[in-house]
Amino acid sequence: MKKGAFFNLFNYLVSIFSMVGYLLFSSINTIAADWGLSYSTIGKINFTGYLFYTLIALFLGSLGDRYGYKKILFPSMFFFTVISLSGMLVYGSNSLVFLYLFAIAVYSYFGLFYPLVEGLLSRAEKLEKIEPSLTTTRFTLSWSSGNMLGMAFGPYLIQKSPFSVFSIAALVSFLGGLIVYRHTNKYGERIPFKGHPALFQKHREVDFPKIALYRKTYRFSLVLAAMVFSSVISLFPKLISMSGISLENAGFLVVVGNIAVFLTFILMTRYRFWVGNPRLSFVLILLFPLSIPLFFLNTGVWTFLLVALFSGINYSIPYTFAIFYGLNSPHEDHGKQGGLHETMIGISFGLGPLLSGYFLEIWPGLYGIGILVVFLSAISVANQFLFMKRVK
């Protein structure tokens, strides 16, 4: 007898749209590398895109709380169909201005998409009596699984069959809009589904009186680690191609970081010893400074793989903390919390490539990113010490 499903329709939509997002993100960076743009220019493209991502998440991320998450999701998906198709013109234009505009449009869409689905899943599954931590777990597994596919094949497809990237994105957006539209008409803002009994098992309660402090601390830790991870996924296509490796194969190296994110999420959500335990959480965050020596090795396939691997692990640890404490909210502000979370992502994913791009032009190879990691790690450790003093 079937016991029930672990994932609902919107978990699958998150995975598919995340695949599309990383197809486009990695394609933008691969196009920039193929055009011979400098590290700093690639960094500025990412910074500009994520600046808009951040602004949209910050100021529009809570719209779902007021007007309904699905009611904003499906028209935005239809609009993104047009944006995706415009990528064909950008690719053929060889215009830096058009590449900037396309990046702004793509990143802006996902700055709206993620807070909406985070808020929708958090509120709807709370009504279905699903354990909040498992809502977080399934959401992170959904987007991280999609990211793996998009990152792996984005650089390859944009080099071998560029128009297929934009066609896939447009088709997914259009069909996604139709699916959400029909679901809204039938169920409103609810997401009814027969969940597996394991989804209703209660776990350890979160310390709500101090949850604001947990959120601030781990969101800041996330920003620091995400600056490194974003530098890897944004600048590695050019770094890898400069090392004599074919640009079309860059995604197959960088995706190791996304795989690390996915597997770390599984382990951390399976073994939840860190919930409400700042000291053990600090031990996990210490992996960040311990990975510094990797950035000072000679560049090559194995170095790129190791850096991508540990950058993914170091990113996923504070991400899990930040989203868990962020979306475990006693108030009806799930869209707001989702928007704040994505704001932190936008800030870090914008600043990381920007700073690393300039550092790489001063210190070539991986040294530029490594020097940045030294500073970020020191700040991360200091942040944890201050947190443990205040949380007693």
Protein backbone atom coordinates (compact mmCIF):
# COMPACT_ATOMS: atom_id res chain seq x y z
CA MET A 1 0.00 0.00 0.00
CA LYS A 2 1.30 3.44 -0.96
CA LYS A 3 2.05 5.48 2.17
CA GLY A 4 2.23 8.90 0.54
CA ALA A 5 4.66 11.18 -1.26
CA PHE A 6 7.66 13.06 0.09
CA PHE A 7 7.46 15.86 -2.49
CA ASN A 8 4.54 17.89 -3.78
CA LEU A 9 3.95 19.60 -7.12
CA PHE A 10 5.69 22.82 -6.10
CA ASN A 11 8.80 20.98 -4.91
CA TYR A 12 9.13 19.61 -8.45
CA LEU A 13 8.51 23.06 -9.95
CA VAL A 14 11.26 24.51 -7.74
CA SER A 15 13.66 21.84 -9.00
CA ILE A 16 12.81 22.41 -12.66
CA PHE A 17 12.97 26.20 -12.44
CA SER A 18 16.24 26.01 -10.51
CA MET A 19 17.63 23.93 -13.36
CA VAL A 20 16.53 26.65 -15.78
CA GLY A 21 18.04 29.33 -13.55
CA TYR A 22 21.44 27.69 -13.50
CA LEU A 23 21.27 26.93 -17.21
CA LEU A 24 20.93 30.67 -17.76
CA PHE A 25 23.30 31.83 -14.99
CA SER A 26 26.09 29.54 -16.17
CA SER A 27 25.39 30.42 -19.79
CA ILE A 28 25.74 34.15 -19.07
CA ASN A 29 29.13 33.57 -17.45
CA THR A 30 30.23 31.22 -20.23
CA ILE A 31 29.22 33.73 -22.90
CA ALA A 32 31.20 36.41 -21.05
CA ALA A 33 34.26 34.14 -20.90
CA ASP A 34 33.87 33.20 -24.57
CA TRP A 35 33.75 36.88 -25.53
CA GLY A 36 37.06 37.39 -23.72
CA LEU A 37 35.69 39.71 -21.05
CA SER A 38 37.93 40.35 -18.05
CA TYR A 39 37.40 38.84 -14.60
CA SER A 40 36.34 42.21 -13.24
CA THR A 41 33.79 42.68 -16.03
CA ILE A 42 32.31 39.24 -15.40
CA GLY A 43 32.20 40.15 -11.71
CA LYS A 44 30.38 43.40 -12.49
CA ILE A 45 27.81 41.59 -14.63
CA ASN A 46 27.06 39.23 -11.76
CA PHE A 47 27.04 42.07 -9.24
CA THR A 48 24.56 44.06 -11.32
CA GLY A 49 22.32 41.04 -11.84
CA TYR A 50 22.31 40.14 -8.18
CA LEU A 51 21.80 43.76 -7.15
CA PHE A 52 18.44 43.61 -8.91
CA TYR A 53 17.86 40.12 -7.49
CA THR A 54 18.37 41.57 -4.01
CA LEU A 55 16.15 44.60 -4.54
CA ILE A 56 13.34 42.50 -5.96
CA ALA A 57 13.59 39.95 -3.13
CA LEU A 58 13.74 42.68 -0.49
CA PHE A 59 10.91 44.89 -1.72
CA LEU A 60 8.66 42.47 -3.59
CA GLY A 61 9.38 39.19 -1.80
CA SER A 62 6.58 39.79 0.71
CA LEU A 63 3.90 40.45 -1.94
CA GLY A 64 2.73 36.87 -1.60
CA ASP A 65 1.85 37.45 2.05
CA ARG A 66 -0.59 40.16 0.99
CA TYR A 67 -1.96 39.12 -2.40
CA GLY A 68 -1.34 35.39 -2.64
CA TYR A 69 1.82 33.59 -3.71
CA LYS A 70 0.38 31.72 -6.67
CA LYS A 71 -1.44 34.79 -7.97
CA ILE A 72 1.94 36.44 -8.51
CA LEU A 73 3.80 33.29 -9.54
CA PHE A 74 1.90 32.33 -12.66
CA PRO A 75 1.87 35.74 -14.44
CA SER A 76 5.56 36.19 -13.63
CA MET A 77 6.24 32.79 -15.22
CA PHE A 78 4.47 33.84 -18.42
CA PHE A 79 6.51 37.04 -18.49
CA PHE A 80 9.72 35.08 -17.98
CA THR A 81 8.90 33.11 -21.12
CA VAL A 82 9.46 36.30 -23.11
CA ILE A 83 12.65 37.11 -21.20
CA SER A 84 14.02 33.64 -21.95
CA LEU A 85 13.38 33.96 -25.67
CA SER A 86 15.13 37.34 -25.71
CA GLY A 87 18.33 35.49 -24.82
CA MET A 88 18.58 34.37 -28.45
CA LEU A 89 18.96 38.00 -29.53
CA VAL A 90 21.50 38.67 -26.80
CA TYR A 91 23.65 35.70 -27.82
CA GLY A 92 23.79 36.80 -31.44
CA SER A 93 24.35 40.47 -30.67
CA ASN A 94 27.88 40.26 -29.19
CA SER A 95 26.80 43.32 -27.19
CA LEU A 96 27.98 43.82 -23.62
CA VAL A 97 25.04 46.16 -22.95
CA PHE A 98 22.54 43.50 -24.03
CA LEU A 99 24.30 40.91 -21.86
CA TYR A 100 23.97 43.23 -18.86
CA LEU A 101 20.27 43.79 -19.57
CA PHE A 102 19.61 40.09 -20.00
CA ALA A 103 21.41 39.30 -16.74
CA ILE A 104 19.34 41.95 -14.93
CA ALA A 105 16.09 40.49 -16.28
CA VAL A 106 16.98 36.88 -15.46
CA TYR A 107 18.26 37.58 -11.96
CA SER A 108 15.30 39.87 -11.20
CA TYR A 109 12.88 37.08 -12.02
CA PHE A 110 14.52 34.64 -9.66
CA GLY A 111 14.69 37.33 -6.97
CA LEU A 112 10.89 37.22 -7.08
CA PHE A 113 10.45 33.49 -7.71
CA TYR A 114 12.33 32.11 -4.70
CA PRO A 115 10.72 34.23 -1.95
CA LEU A 116 7.31 33.40 -3.40
CA VAL A 117 7.81 29.64 -3.42
CA GLU A 118 9.57 29.70 -0.04
CA GLY A 119 6.65 31.57 1.49
CA LEU A 120 4.06 29.42 -0.30
CA LEU A 121 5.57 26.12 0.80
CA SER A 122 6.19 27.30 4.35
CA ARG A 123 2.64 28.57 4.92
CA ALA A 124 0.75 25.91 2.94
CA GLU A 125 2.56 22.99 4.53
CA LYS A 126 2.11 24.48 7.97
CA LEU A 127 -1.65 24.31 7.33
CA GLU A 128 -1.24 20.67 6.32
CA LYS A 129 0.50 20.01 9.69
CA ILE A 130 3.78 19.03 8.02
CA GLU A 131 6.87 19.31 10.23
CA PRO A 132 8.47 22.73 9.38
CA SER A 133 12.03 21.41 9.31
CA LEU A 134 10.99 18.88 6.66
CA THR A 135 9.47 21.66 4.58
CA THR A 136 12.89 23.32 4.66
CA THR A 137 14.66 20.06 3.87
CA ARG A 138 12.53 19.26 0.84
CA PHE A 139 12.77 22.81 -0.47
CA THR A 140 16.56 22.85 -0.32
CA LEU A 141 16.81 19.42 -1.92
CA SER A 142 14.48 20.59 -4.68
CA TRP A 143 16.46 23.63 -5.76
CA SER A 144 19.87 22.04 -5.22
CA SER A 145 18.97 19.06 -7.43
CA GLY A 146 17.92 21.44 -10.19
CA ASN A 147 21.07 23.51 -9.79
CA MET A 148 23.22 20.44 -10.43
CA LEU A 149 21.66 19.78 -13.82
CA GLY A 150 21.72 23.42 -14.89
CA MET A 151 25.32 23.99 -13.83
CA ALA A 152 26.58 20.78 -15.44
CA PHE A 153 25.02 21.33 -18.86
CA GLY A 154 24.74 25.13 -19.12
CA PRO A 155 28.30 25.81 -20.37
CA TYR A 156 28.19 22.76 -22.66
CA LEU A 157 24.85 23.61 -24.28
CA ILE A 158 25.56 27.33 -24.70
CA GLN A 159 28.72 26.39 -26.60
CA LYS A 160 27.29 23.51 -28.64
CA SER A 161 23.61 24.41 -29.09
CA PRO A 162 23.02 27.92 -27.72
CA PHE A 163 19.43 28.37 -28.81
CA SER A 164 18.40 25.17 -27.01
CA VAL A 165 19.21 26.86 -23.67
CA PHE A 166 16.76 29.69 -24.28
CA SER A 167 14.13 27.40 -25.82
CA ILE A 168 14.20 25.08 -22.79
CA ALA A 169 13.87 28.06 -20.43
CA ALA A 170 10.94 29.50 -22.39
CA LEU A 171 9.10 26.17 -22.62
CA VAL A 172 9.50 25.44 -18.91
CA SER A 173 8.32 28.95 -17.98
CA PHE A 174 5.23 28.78 -20.18
CA LEU A 175 4.19 25.30 -19.03
CA GLY A 176 4.96 26.21 -15.42
CA GLY A 177 2.70 29.25 -15.69
CA LEU A 178 -0.16 27.10 -17.01
CA ILE A 179 0.28 24.54 -14.23
CA VAL A 180 0.29 27.15 -11.45
CA TYR A 181 -2.69 28.98 -13.02
CA ARG A 182 -4.79 25.80 -13.04
CA HIS A 183 -3.66 24.87 -9.54
CA THR A 184 -4.64 28.32 -8.26
CA ASN A 185 -8.13 28.08 -9.76
CA LYS A 186 -8.65 24.66 -8.21
CA TYR A 187 -7.03 24.97 -4.77
CA GLY A 188 -6.37 28.65 -4.12
CA GLU A 189 -3.28 29.09 -1.94
CA ARG A 190 -3.39 25.55 -0.54
CA ILE A 191 -1.14 22.69 -1.67
CA PRO A 192 -3.12 19.57 -0.80
CA PHE A 193 -1.30 16.28 -1.21
CA LYS A 194 -1.09 12.96 0.57
CA GLY A 195 2.19 13.24 2.42
CA HIS A 196 4.29 10.37 3.71
CA PRO A 197 3.76 9.75 7.46
CA ALA A 198 7.40 10.71 8.08
CA LEU A 199 6.56 14.30 7.11
CA PHE A 200 4.29 14.66 10.14
CA GLN A 201 6.76 13.47 12.77
CA LYS A 202 7.64 16.18 15.27
CA HIS A 203 11.26 17.12 15.87
CA ARG A 204 12.99 19.17 18.50
CA GLU A 205 11.38 22.56 19.07
CA VAL A 206 13.28 25.65 17.95
CA ASP A 207 14.19 28.18 20.66
CA PHE A 208 11.82 30.93 19.46
CA PRO A 209 12.71 33.54 22.13
CA LYS A 210 16.21 33.78 20.63
CA ILE A 211 15.42 32.87 17.05
CA ALA A 212 16.05 36.42 15.81
CA LEU A 213 19.65 36.19 17.01
CA TYR A 214 20.08 32.79 15.35
CA ARG A 215 18.75 34.23 12.09
CA LYS A 216 21.06 37.25 12.10
CA THR A 217 24.14 35.22 12.93
CA TYR A 218 23.68 32.44 10.42
CA ARG A 219 22.51 34.74 7.66
CA PHE A 220 25.73 36.69 8.07
CA SER A 221 27.72 33.43 8.05
CA LEU A 222 25.86 32.49 4.89
CA VAL A 223 26.78 35.77 3.20
CA LEU A 224 30.48 35.19 3.86
CA ALA A 225 30.56 31.58 2.63
CA ALA A 226 28.28 32.30 -0.31
CA MET A 227 30.66 35.00 -1.56
CA VAL A 228 33.24 32.28 -2.14
CA PHE A 229 30.82 29.77 -3.66
CA SER A 230 29.39 32.40 -6.01
CA SER A 231 32.91 33.35 -7.10
CA VAL A 232 33.57 29.73 -8.00
CA ILE A 233 30.44 29.23 -10.10
CA SER A 234 30.72 32.65 -11.78
CA LEU A 235 34.45 32.97 -12.49
CA PHE A 236 35.54 29.35 -12.87
CA PRO A 237 34.44 29.10 -16.53
CA LYS A 238 37.03 31.75 -17.44
CA LEU A 239 39.60 30.45 -14.94
CA ILE A 240 39.23 26.92 -16.28
CA SER A 241 39.45 27.99 -19.92
CA MET A 242 42.56 30.07 -19.13
CA SER A 243 44.13 26.88 -17.74
CA GLY A 244 43.83 25.14 -21.10
CA ILE A 245 40.62 23.20 -20.38
CA SER A 246 37.83 23.48 -22.95
CA LEU A 247 35.21 26.07 -21.96
CA GLU A 248 32.36 23.71 -22.83
CA ASN A 249 33.59 21.30 -20.14
CA ALA A 250 33.72 23.92 -17.37
CA GLY A 251 30.31 22.99 -16.04
CA PHE A 252 31.31 19.38 -15.48
CA LEU A 253 34.03 20.58 -13.07
CA VAL A 254 32.10 23.35 -11.33
CA VAL A 255 29.06 21.11 -10.78
CA VAL A 256 31.08 19.21 -8.14
CA GLY A 257 30.32 22.18 -5.88
CA ASN A 258 26.58 21.83 -6.54
CA ILE A 259 26.76 18.09 -5.88
CA ALA A 260 28.52 18.84 -2.58
CA VAL A 261 25.71 21.24 -1.67
CA PHE A 262 23.08 18.59 -2.40
CA LEU A 263 24.80 15.82 -0.45
CA THR A 264 25.61 18.08 2.51
CA PHE A 265 21.96 19.09 2.73
CA ILE A 266 20.95 15.42 2.88
CA LEU A 267 23.43 14.66 5.66
CA MET A 268 22.62 17.74 7.73
CA THR A 269 18.89 17.21 7.55
CA ARG A 270 19.24 13.51 8.32
CA TYR A 271 21.43 14.14 11.37
CA ARG A 272 19.96 17.18 13.13
CA PHE A 273 22.37 17.41 16.08
CA TRP A 274 23.06 21.05 15.18
CA VAL A 275 19.52 22.36 15.84
CA GLY A 276 19.71 24.80 18.75
CA ASN A 277 23.36 23.86 19.38
CA PRO A 278 25.64 26.82 18.52
CA ARG A 279 28.85 25.09 19.61
CA LEU A 280 28.45 22.11 17.32
CA SER A 281 27.32 24.43 14.54
CA PHE A 282 30.53 26.43 15.03
CA VAL A 283 32.60 23.27 14.57
CA LEU A 284 30.96 22.71 11.19
CA ILE A 285 31.54 26.32 10.12
CA LEU A 286 35.25 25.90 10.93
CA LEU A 287 35.56 23.92 7.68
CA PHE A 288 35.52 27.32 5.97
CA PRO A 289 38.96 28.53 7.19
CA LEU A 290 40.39 25.00 7.03
CA SER A 291 39.87 24.96 3.24
CA ILE A 292 42.11 28.02 2.66
CA PRO A 293 45.23 26.05 1.52
CA LEU A 294 43.35 24.65 -1.49
CA PHE A 295 43.29 28.09 -3.12
CA PHE A 296 47.08 28.29 -3.13
CA LEU A 297 47.72 25.05 -5.02
CA ASN A 298 48.78 25.00 -8.67
CA THR A 299 45.77 25.20 -10.96
CA GLY A 300 44.65 22.00 -12.64
CA VAL A 301 41.68 19.67 -12.88
CA TRP A 302 42.07 18.24 -9.37
CA THR A 303 42.57 21.66 -7.80
CA PHE A 304 39.43 23.00 -9.47
CA LEU A 305 37.49 19.93 -8.32
CA LEU A 306 38.66 20.23 -4.70
CA VAL A 307 38.00 23.97 -4.51
CA ALA A 308 34.52 23.50 -5.99
CA LEU A 309 33.83 20.62 -3.61
CA PHE A 310 34.77 22.44 -0.40
CA SER A 311 33.23 25.72 -1.54
CA GLY A 312 29.95 23.86 -1.94
CA ILE A 313 30.22 22.22 1.48
CA ASN A 314 31.14 25.50 3.20
CA TYR A 315 28.21 27.24 1.52
CA SER A 316 25.59 24.61 2.30
CA ILE A 317 26.33 24.45 6.04
CA PRO A 318 25.36 28.05 6.97
CA TYR A 319 22.67 27.97 4.27
CA THR A 320 20.97 25.10 6.09
CA PHE A 321 21.21 26.98 9.39
CA ALA A 322 19.95 30.25 7.90
CA ILE A 323 16.95 28.86 6.06
CA PHE A 324 15.95 26.54 8.90
CA TYR A 325 15.87 29.29 11.52
CA GLY A 326 14.51 31.78 9.01
CA LEU A 327 11.48 29.83 7.85
CA ASN A 328 10.62 28.37 11.26
CA SER A 329 8.53 31.42 12.02
CA PRO A 330 5.75 31.64 14.64
CA HIS A 331 4.24 34.55 12.70
CA GLU A 332 2.49 34.67 9.34
CA ASP A 333 5.47 36.32 7.66
CA HIS A 334 6.84 33.46 5.58
CA GLY A 335 7.08 35.56 2.44
CA LYS A 336 8.92 38.26 4.38
CA GLN A 337 11.38 35.74 5.82
CA GLY A 338 11.85 34.17 2.40
CA GLY A 339 12.51 37.62 0.97
CA LEU A 340 15.10 38.40 3.66
CA HIS A 341 16.79 35.06 3.06
CA GLU A 342 17.01 35.67 -0.69
CA THR A 343 18.26 39.19 0.00
CA MET A 344 21.23 37.66 1.82
CA ILE A 345 21.80 35.33 -1.13
CA GLY A 346 21.63 38.24 -3.57
CA ILE A 347 24.11 40.36 -1.59
CA SER A 348 26.66 37.57 -1.32
CA PHE A 349 26.30 36.27 -4.88
CA GLY A 350 26.77 39.82 -6.14
CA LEU A 351 29.69 40.89 -3.96
CA GLY A 352 31.58 37.61 -4.23
CA PRO A 353 32.26 37.64 -8.00
CA LEU A 354 32.76 41.42 -7.97
CA LEU A 355 35.53 41.36 -5.34
CA SER A 356 37.06 38.13 -6.63
CA GLY A 357 37.10 39.51 -10.16
CA TYR A 358 39.23 42.47 -9.10
CA PHE A 359 41.42 40.29 -6.86
CA LEU A 360 42.10 37.86 -9.72
CA GLU A 361 43.38 40.68 -11.89
CA ILE A 362 45.92 41.52 -9.17
CA TRP A 363 46.74 37.95 -8.08
CA PRO A 364 46.25 35.47 -10.94
CA GLY A 365 45.32 31.81 -10.73
CA LEU A 366 43.28 30.98 -7.66
CA TYR A 367 45.39 33.23 -5.42
CA GLY A 368 43.04 36.18 -5.75
CA ILE A 369 40.06 34.22 -4.47
CA GLY A 370 42.27 32.61 -1.80
CA ILE A 371 43.30 35.97 -0.37
CA LEU A 372 39.63 36.98 -0.20
CA VAL A 373 38.82 33.70 1.59
CA VAL A 374 41.41 34.48 4.28
CA PHE A 375 39.62 37.73 5.17
CA LEU A 376 36.13 36.23 4.98
CA SER A 377 37.10 33.25 7.15
CA ALA A 378 38.49 35.51 9.88
CA ILE A 379 35.25 37.50 9.94
CA SER A 380 33.19 34.28 10.00
CA VAL A 381 35.06 32.91 13.03
CA ALA A 382 34.75 36.23 14.89
CA ASN A 383 31.02 36.27 14.14
CA GLN A 384 30.61 32.84 15.73
CA PHE A 385 32.49 33.79 18.89
CA LEU A 386 30.30 36.87 19.36
CA PHE A 387 27.18 34.79 18.79
CA MET A 388 28.08 32.19 21.41
CA LYS A 389 28.67 34.92 23.99
CA ARG A 390 25.27 36.48 23.33
CA VAL A 391 23.26 33.27 23.08
CA LYS A 392 24.12 32.02 26.61
